[in-house]
Amino acid sequence: MTAHGWRRNPSAKQADPALLHGLRGVATSLLSDNMARVTGTVGLMPYHRPRPMAGTAVTVRTRPGDNFAIHRAFDFVRAGDVLMVDGGGELSQALMGDIMISYAEKLGLAGVVIDGAIRDVAAIRARDFPVYARAVTHRGPYKNGPGEINVPVSVGGMVVNPGDIIVGDEDGVLAIPQDDAPALLAAARKKGEEEAESLRQIAEGRLDRSWVAAQERKLLGG
């Protein structure tokens, strides 16, 4: 048995490519609205040119400021995966930069999400390969470990399990259990149609706002 703190578990089954394609076509806000608006990353920002992201989670938990486990995790990823890095939110050392991000893109990953800092931001911003992180620093990482691969992690306050579907856009990142994704996609598409109708009503000057007064009466006990 591998010592706690150094576990390396096999990567989970990848999500259906057709399902991932569908999820890339809906906004994270629509998905979030159908997940009770209580999940998703907080405090992480996209550092790439806009591009929707969807893929299967391969998770990494690192010691803050140390990226050895991330280097090892490259042996566990497959094309289409999203590397989810729990760096504990530590901002004093960059966990990834242009070289590692370029390698991740070369491997065919769908994106990288880091609860920690990155560097070489000018190069990252010039590409559309999805990269989300908490902050930027020029200070590089250590490579001593420990760290674990394919264990449950917390990224931006969001619990991520290996094999979860990870979606992201300019509004943020969500983790979705694979079994929940088909129904959630259908609900998000319906919500999108409702919002499109609201936009049409605004354009035509016929938006019904009677719910505002009704909600106020309800809140005031009227």
C-alpha atoms as a PDB file:
ATOM      1  CA  MET A   1       0.000   0.000   0.000  1.00  0.00           C
ATOM      2  CA  THR A   2       1.347   3.424  -0.940  1.00  0.00           C
ATOM      3  CA  ALA A   3       1.989   5.676   2.046  1.00  0.00           C
ATOM      4  CA  HIS A   4      -0.632   8.286   2.808  1.00  0.00           C
ATOM      5  CA  GLY A   5       0.408  11.540   1.200  1.00  0.00           C
ATOM      6  CA  TRP A   6       1.953   9.723  -1.774  1.00  0.00           C
ATOM      7  CA  ARG A   7      -1.040   7.821  -3.168  1.00  0.00           C
ATOM      8  CA  ARG A   8      -1.247   7.334  -6.939  1.00  0.00           C
ATOM      9  CA  ASN A   9      -4.616   5.929  -7.994  1.00  0.00           C
ATOM     10  CA  PRO A  10      -5.664   4.944 -11.518  1.00  0.00           C
ATOM     11  CA  SER A  11      -7.541   7.571 -13.480  1.00  0.00           C
ATOM     12  CA  ALA A  12     -11.321   7.185 -13.661  1.00  0.00           C
ATOM     13  CA  LYS A  13     -13.258   6.243 -16.769  1.00  0.00           C
ATOM     14  CA  GLN A  14     -13.507   9.146 -19.190  1.00  0.00           C
ATOM     15  CA  ALA A  15     -16.846  10.786 -19.881  1.00  0.00           C
ATOM     16  CA  ASP A  16     -18.741  10.257 -23.134  1.00  0.00           C
ATOM     17  CA  PRO A  17     -17.269  12.587 -25.819  1.00  0.00           C
ATOM     18  CA  ALA A  18     -20.746  13.450 -27.130  1.00  0.00           C
ATOM     19  CA  LEU A  19     -21.811  14.514 -23.649  1.00  0.00           C
ATOM     20  CA  LEU A  20     -18.701  16.680 -23.271  1.00  0.00           C
ATOM     21  CA  HIS A  21     -19.407  18.271 -26.641  1.00  0.00           C
ATOM     22  CA  GLY A  22     -22.912  19.151 -25.496  1.00  0.00           C
ATOM     23  CA  LEU A  23     -21.679  20.629 -22.224  1.00  0.00           C
ATOM     24  CA  ARG A  24     -19.259  22.901 -24.080  1.00  0.00           C
ATOM     25  CA  GLY A  25     -22.256  24.401 -25.817  1.00  0.00           C
ATOM     26  CA  VAL A  26     -23.990  25.699 -22.672  1.00  0.00           C
ATOM     27  CA  ALA A  27     -22.882  28.413 -20.259  1.00  0.00           C
ATOM     28  CA  THR A  28     -21.646  27.451 -16.806  1.00  0.00           C
ATOM     29  CA  SER A  29     -24.204  29.890 -15.386  1.00  0.00           C
ATOM     30  CA  LEU A  30     -27.024  27.794 -16.859  1.00  0.00           C
ATOM     31  CA  LEU A  31     -25.544  24.633 -15.373  1.00  0.00           C
ATOM     32  CA  SER A  32     -25.011  26.359 -12.022  1.00  0.00           C
ATOM     33  CA  ASP A  33     -28.612  27.556 -11.925  1.00  0.00           C
ATOM     34  CA  ASN A  34     -29.671  23.912 -12.103  1.00  0.00           C
ATOM     35  CA  MET A  35     -27.266  22.864  -9.322  1.00  0.00           C
ATOM     36  CA  ALA A  36     -28.979  25.037  -6.688  1.00  0.00           C
ATOM     37  CA  ARG A  37     -26.354  27.769  -7.226  1.00  0.00           C
ATOM     38  CA  VAL A  38     -24.232  26.393  -4.358  1.00  0.00           C
ATOM     39  CA  THR A  39     -21.297  24.788  -6.146  1.00  0.00           C
ATOM     40  CA  GLY A  40     -18.458  25.831  -8.416  1.00  0.00           C
ATOM     41  CA  THR A  41     -15.065  27.410  -7.900  1.00  0.00           C
ATOM     42  CA  VAL A  42     -14.687  30.686  -6.041  1.00  0.00           C
ATOM     43  CA  GLY A  43     -11.692  32.986  -6.445  1.00  0.00           C
ATOM     44  CA  LEU A  44     -10.182  31.382  -9.550  1.00  0.00           C
ATOM     45  CA  MET A  45      -9.770  33.346 -12.777  1.00  0.00           C
ATOM     46  CA  PRO A  46      -9.326  32.330 -16.421  1.00  0.00           C
ATOM     47  CA  TYR A  47      -5.941  33.365 -17.825  1.00  0.00           C
ATOM     48  CA  HIS A  48      -6.447  32.204 -21.423  1.00  0.00           C
ATOM     49  CA  ARG A  49      -8.245  33.598 -24.443  1.00  0.00           C
ATOM     50  CA  PRO A  50     -11.944  32.681 -24.198  1.00  0.00           C
ATOM     51  CA  ARG A  51     -12.707  29.048 -24.987  1.00  0.00           C
ATOM     52  CA  PRO A  52     -15.218  26.670 -23.383  1.00  0.00           C
ATOM     53  CA  MET A  53     -13.787  23.698 -21.486  1.00  0.00           C
ATOM     54  CA  ALA A  54     -15.215  20.266 -20.722  1.00  0.00           C
ATOM     55  CA  GLY A  55     -13.347  17.104 -19.767  1.00  0.00           C
ATOM     56  CA  THR A  56     -12.840  14.353 -17.212  1.00  0.00           C
ATOM     57  CA  ALA A  57     -11.132  15.232 -13.932  1.00  0.00           C
ATOM     58  CA  VAL A  58      -7.716  13.880 -13.050  1.00  0.00           C
ATOM     59  CA  THR A  59      -7.042  15.277  -9.584  1.00  0.00           C
ATOM     60  CA  VAL A  60      -3.819  16.254  -7.832  1.00  0.00           C
ATOM     61  CA  ARG A  61      -3.249  17.345  -4.244  1.00  0.00           C
ATOM     62  CA  THR A  62       0.091  19.071  -3.759  1.00  0.00           C
ATOM     63  CA  ARG A  63       1.969  20.387  -0.784  1.00  0.00           C
ATOM     64  CA  PRO A  64       1.535  24.167  -1.035  1.00  0.00           C
ATOM     65  CA  GLY A  65       4.284  25.640  -3.181  1.00  0.00           C
ATOM     66  CA  ASP A  66       5.492  22.255  -4.454  1.00  0.00           C
ATOM     67  CA  ASN A  67       4.636  20.827  -7.887  1.00  0.00           C
ATOM     68  CA  PHE A  68       6.335  17.428  -7.877  1.00  0.00           C
ATOM     69  CA  ALA A  69       2.977  15.615  -7.809  1.00  0.00           C
ATOM     70  CA  ILE A  70       1.804  17.608 -10.834  1.00  0.00           C
ATOM     71  CA  HIS A  71       4.803  16.402 -12.844  1.00  0.00           C
ATOM     72  CA  ARG A  72       3.979  12.833 -11.801  1.00  0.00           C
ATOM     73  CA  ALA A  73       0.314  13.328 -12.705  1.00  0.00           C
ATOM     74  CA  PHE A  74       1.251  13.884 -16.334  1.00  0.00           C
ATOM     75  CA  ASP A  75       1.736  10.100 -16.461  1.00  0.00           C
ATOM     76  CA  PHE A  76      -1.914   9.610 -15.457  1.00  0.00           C
ATOM     77  CA  VAL A  77      -3.678  12.020 -17.827  1.00  0.00           C
ATOM     78  CA  ARG A  78      -5.219  11.259 -21.209  1.00  0.00           C
ATOM     79  CA  ALA A  79      -6.290  13.435 -24.100  1.00  0.00           C
ATOM     80  CA  GLY A  80      -9.505  15.193 -23.122  1.00  0.00           C
ATOM     81  CA  ASP A  81      -8.867  15.202 -19.357  1.00  0.00           C
ATOM     82  CA  VAL A  82      -8.854  18.298 -17.142  1.00  0.00           C
ATOM     83  CA  LEU A  83      -6.057  18.439 -14.565  1.00  0.00           C
ATOM     84  CA  MET A  84      -7.528  19.674 -11.258  1.00  0.00           C
ATOM     85  CA  VAL A  85      -4.811  20.823  -8.859  1.00  0.00           C
ATOM     86  CA  ASP A  86      -5.473  21.366  -5.150  1.00  0.00           C
ATOM     87  CA  GLY A  87      -2.580  23.614  -4.159  1.00  0.00           C
ATOM     88  CA  GLY A  88      -4.232  24.723  -0.947  1.00  0.00           C
ATOM     89  CA  GLY A  89      -4.704  28.225  -2.308  1.00  0.00           C
ATOM     90  CA  GLU A  90      -1.045  29.033  -1.596  1.00  0.00           C
ATOM     91  CA  LEU A  91       0.116  32.081  -3.576  1.00  0.00           C
ATOM     92  CA  SER A  92       3.797  32.385  -2.656  1.00  0.00           C
ATOM     93  CA  GLN A  93       5.081  29.968  -5.331  1.00  0.00           C
ATOM     94  CA  ALA A  94       3.816  29.350  -8.872  1.00  0.00           C
ATOM     95  CA  LEU A  95       2.815  25.723  -9.371  1.00  0.00           C
ATOM     96  CA  MET A  96       2.822  25.857 -13.182  1.00  0.00           C
ATOM     97  CA  GLY A  97       4.209  28.094 -15.909  1.00  0.00           C
ATOM     98  CA  ASP A  98       4.558  28.172 -19.675  1.00  0.00           C
ATOM     99  CA  ILE A  99       6.644  24.987 -19.958  1.00  0.00           C
ATOM    100  CA  MET A 100       4.254  22.793 -17.965  1.00  0.00           C
ATOM    101  CA  ILE A 101       1.172  24.394 -19.519  1.00  0.00           C
ATOM    102  CA  SER A 102       2.620  23.834 -22.997  1.00  0.00           C
ATOM    103  CA  TYR A 103       3.277  20.190 -22.142  1.00  0.00           C
ATOM    104  CA  ALA A 104      -0.276  19.781 -20.845  1.00  0.00           C
ATOM    105  CA  GLU A 105      -1.607  21.195 -24.108  1.00  0.00           C
ATOM    106  CA  LYS A 106       0.688  18.909 -26.130  1.00  0.00           C
ATOM    107  CA  LEU A 107      -0.708  15.897 -24.237  1.00  0.00           C
ATOM    108  CA  GLY A 108      -4.180  16.886 -25.423  1.00  0.00           C
ATOM    109  CA  LEU A 109      -5.632  17.936 -22.088  1.00  0.00           C
ATOM    110  CA  ALA A 110      -8.871  19.897 -22.183  1.00  0.00           C
ATOM    111  CA  GLY A 111      -7.555  22.341 -19.572  1.00  0.00           C
ATOM    112  CA  VAL A 112      -5.832  22.939 -16.244  1.00  0.00           C
ATOM    113  CA  VAL A 113      -7.428  24.330 -13.069  1.00  0.00           C
ATOM    114  CA  ILE A 114      -5.106  25.321 -10.214  1.00  0.00           C
ATOM    115  CA  ASP A 115      -6.036  26.394  -6.701  1.00  0.00           C
ATOM    116  CA  GLY A 116      -2.759  28.241  -6.405  1.00  0.00           C
ATOM    117  CA  ALA A 117      -0.555  30.552  -8.423  1.00  0.00           C
ATOM    118  CA  ILE A 118       0.888  30.390 -11.935  1.00  0.00           C
ATOM    119  CA  ARG A 119       3.535  32.362 -13.822  1.00  0.00           C
ATOM    120  CA  ASP A 120       4.490  33.200 -17.445  1.00  0.00           C
ATOM    121  CA  VAL A 121       1.080  34.763 -17.799  1.00  0.00           C
ATOM    122  CA  ALA A 122       1.884  36.686 -20.987  1.00  0.00           C
ATOM    123  CA  ALA A 123       2.465  33.420 -22.848  1.00  0.00           C
ATOM    124  CA  ILE A 124      -0.609  31.761 -21.323  1.00  0.00           C
ATOM    125  CA  ARG A 125      -2.858  34.710 -22.211  1.00  0.00           C
ATOM    126  CA  ALA A 126      -1.721  34.520 -25.829  1.00  0.00           C
ATOM    127  CA  ARG A 127      -3.283  31.063 -26.251  1.00  0.00           C
ATOM    128  CA  ASP A 128      -6.771  29.649 -25.915  1.00  0.00           C
ATOM    129  CA  PHE A 129      -5.726  26.551 -23.955  1.00  0.00           C
ATOM    130  CA  PRO A 130      -7.889  26.765 -20.800  1.00  0.00           C
ATOM    131  CA  VAL A 131      -5.942  27.714 -17.665  1.00  0.00           C
ATOM    132  CA  TYR A 132      -7.625  28.793 -14.430  1.00  0.00           C
ATOM    133  CA  ALA A 133      -5.706  29.839 -11.310  1.00  0.00           C
ATOM    134  CA  ARG A 134      -6.012  31.907  -8.166  1.00  0.00           C
ATOM    135  CA  ALA A 135      -3.124  34.351  -8.696  1.00  0.00           C
ATOM    136  CA  VAL A 136       0.190  35.088 -10.396  1.00  0.00           C
ATOM    137  CA  THR A 137       3.734  35.183  -9.028  1.00  0.00           C
ATOM    138  CA  HIS A 138       7.171  35.013 -10.640  1.00  0.00           C
ATOM    139  CA  ARG A 139       8.469  32.799  -7.815  1.00  0.00           C
ATOM    140  CA  GLY A 140       8.860  29.198  -8.939  1.00  0.00           C
ATOM    141  CA  PRO A 141       7.907  25.978  -7.107  1.00  0.00           C
ATOM    142  CA  TYR A 142       9.781  23.353  -5.125  1.00  0.00           C
ATOM    143  CA  LYS A 143       9.852  19.700  -6.199  1.00  0.00           C
ATOM    144  CA  ASN A 144      10.071  17.632  -3.027  1.00  0.00           C
ATOM    145  CA  GLY A 145       6.542  16.289  -2.501  1.00  0.00           C
ATOM    146  CA  PRO A 146       4.497  14.896  -0.968  1.00  0.00           C
ATOM    147  CA  GLY A 147       1.427  14.895  -3.155  1.00  0.00           C
ATOM    148  CA  GLU A 148      -1.376  12.598  -4.257  1.00  0.00           C
ATOM    149  CA  ILE A 149      -3.031  11.737  -7.560  1.00  0.00           C
ATOM    150  CA  ASN A 150      -6.666  10.806  -8.192  1.00  0.00           C
ATOM    151  CA  VAL A 151      -7.980  11.425  -4.698  1.00  0.00           C
ATOM    152  CA  PRO A 152     -10.866  13.714  -3.708  1.00  0.00           C
ATOM    153  CA  VAL A 153      -9.665  17.323  -3.651  1.00  0.00           C
ATOM    154  CA  SER A 154     -10.907  20.841  -2.989  1.00  0.00           C
ATOM    155  CA  VAL A 155     -10.317  23.352  -5.778  1.00  0.00           C
ATOM    156  CA  GLY A 156     -11.570  26.884  -5.304  1.00  0.00           C
ATOM    157  CA  GLY A 157     -13.826  25.690  -2.488  1.00  0.00           C
ATOM    158  CA  MET A 158     -15.391  23.036  -4.747  1.00  0.00           C
ATOM    159  CA  VAL A 159     -15.086  19.328  -3.981  1.00  0.00           C
ATOM    160  CA  VAL A 160     -13.819  17.400  -7.001  1.00  0.00           C
ATOM    161  CA  ASN A 161     -13.739  13.625  -7.297  1.00  0.00           C
ATOM    162  CA  PRO A 162     -11.640  11.784  -9.871  1.00  0.00           C
ATOM    163  CA  GLY A 163     -13.796  11.222 -12.945  1.00  0.00           C
ATOM    164  CA  ASP A 164     -16.090  14.201 -12.393  1.00  0.00           C
ATOM    165  CA  ILE A 165     -16.880  16.176 -15.520  1.00  0.00           C
ATOM    166  CA  ILE A 166     -15.249  19.591 -15.340  1.00  0.00           C
ATOM    167  CA  VAL A 167     -16.770  22.446 -17.328  1.00  0.00           C
ATOM    168  CA  GLY A 168     -15.556  26.005 -17.527  1.00  0.00           C
ATOM    169  CA  ASP A 169     -15.927  29.285 -19.351  1.00  0.00           C
ATOM    170  CA  GLU A 170     -15.305  32.963 -18.627  1.00  0.00           C
ATOM    171  CA  ASP A 171     -17.669  32.804 -15.634  1.00  0.00           C
ATOM    172  CA  GLY A 172     -15.866  29.996 -13.813  1.00  0.00           C
ATOM    173  CA  VAL A 173     -15.566  26.244 -13.335  1.00  0.00           C
ATOM    174  CA  LEU A 174     -17.998  23.518 -12.236  1.00  0.00           C
ATOM    175  CA  ALA A 175     -17.564  19.853 -11.312  1.00  0.00           C
ATOM    176  CA  ILE A 176     -20.419  17.509 -12.268  1.00  0.00           C
ATOM    177  CA  PRO A 177     -20.706  13.804 -11.371  1.00  0.00           C
ATOM    178  CA  GLN A 178     -20.842  11.832 -14.607  1.00  0.00           C
ATOM    179  CA  ASP A 179     -24.162  10.183 -13.724  1.00  0.00           C
ATOM    180  CA  ASP A 180     -25.807  13.579 -13.198  1.00  0.00           C
ATOM    181  CA  ALA A 181     -24.525  15.204 -16.374  1.00  0.00           C
ATOM    182  CA  PRO A 182     -27.128  14.106 -18.990  1.00  0.00           C
ATOM    183  CA  ALA A 183     -30.111  15.373 -16.989  1.00  0.00           C
ATOM    184  CA  LEU A 184     -28.241  18.529 -16.039  1.00  0.00           C
ATOM    185  CA  LEU A 185     -27.395  19.252 -19.662  1.00  0.00           C
ATOM    186  CA  ALA A 186     -31.059  18.926 -20.645  1.00  0.00           C
ATOM    187  CA  ALA A 187     -32.128  21.236 -17.821  1.00  0.00           C
ATOM    188  CA  ALA A 188     -29.473  23.813 -18.745  1.00  0.00           C
ATOM    189  CA  ARG A 189     -30.590  23.814 -22.363  1.00  0.00           C
ATOM    190  CA  LYS A 190     -34.185  24.431 -21.251  1.00  0.00           C
ATOM    191  CA  LYS A 191     -33.021  27.257 -19.003  1.00  0.00           C
ATOM    192  CA  GLY A 192     -31.113  28.711 -21.949  1.00  0.00           C
ATOM    193  CA  GLU A 193     -34.279  28.741 -24.036  1.00  0.00           C
ATOM    194  CA  GLU A 194     -36.115  30.558 -21.240  1.00  0.00           C
ATOM    195  CA  GLU A 195     -33.387  33.193 -21.006  1.00  0.00           C
ATOM    196  CA  ALA A 196     -33.385  33.641 -24.780  1.00  0.00           C
ATOM    197  CA  GLU A 197     -37.127  34.329 -24.598  1.00  0.00           C
ATOM    198  CA  SER A 198     -36.537  36.923 -21.850  1.00  0.00           C
ATOM    199  CA  LEU A 199     -33.999  38.677 -24.068  1.00  0.00           C
ATOM    200  CA  ARG A 200     -36.522  38.725 -26.921  1.00  0.00           C
ATOM    201  CA  GLN A 201     -39.096  40.248 -24.585  1.00  0.00           C
ATOM    202  CA  ILE A 202     -36.615  42.941 -23.523  1.00  0.00           C
ATOM    203  CA  ALA A 203     -35.838  43.774 -27.148  1.00  0.00           C
ATOM    204  CA  GLU A 204     -39.555  44.022 -27.938  1.00  0.00           C
ATOM    205  CA  GLY A 205     -40.412  46.025 -24.808  1.00  0.00           C
ATOM    206  CA  ARG A 206     -42.745  43.419 -23.328  1.00  0.00           C
ATOM    207  CA  LEU A 207     -40.798  41.949 -20.399  1.00  0.00           C
ATOM    208  CA  ASP A 208     -43.172  40.941 -17.579  1.00  0.00           C
ATOM    209  CA  ARG A 209     -41.760  42.165 -14.242  1.00  0.00           C
ATOM    210  CA  SER A 210     -44.884  41.584 -12.145  1.00  0.00           C
ATOM    211  CA  TRP A 211     -43.004  38.944 -10.174  1.00  0.00           C
ATOM    212  CA  VAL A 212     -40.951  41.672  -8.440  1.00  0.00           C
ATOM    213  CA  ALA A 213     -43.922  43.194  -6.637  1.00  0.00           C
ATOM    214  CA  ALA A 214     -45.347  39.732  -5.911  1.00  0.00           C
ATOM    215  CA  GLN A 215     -42.049  38.636  -4.362  1.00  0.00           C
ATOM    216  CA  GLU A 216     -41.858  41.806  -2.270  1.00  0.00           C
ATOM    217  CA  ARG A 217     -45.375  41.189  -0.888  1.00  0.00           C
ATOM    218  CA  LYS A 218     -44.371  37.631  -0.057  1.00  0.00           C
ATOM    219  CA  LEU A 219     -41.212  38.757   1.730  1.00  0.00           C
ATOM    220  CA  LEU A 220     -43.140  41.350   3.711  1.00  0.00           C
ATOM    221  CA  GLY A 221     -45.751  38.789   4.671  1.00  0.00           C
ATOM    222  CA  GLY A 222     -48.473  40.429   2.592  1.00  0.00           C
END
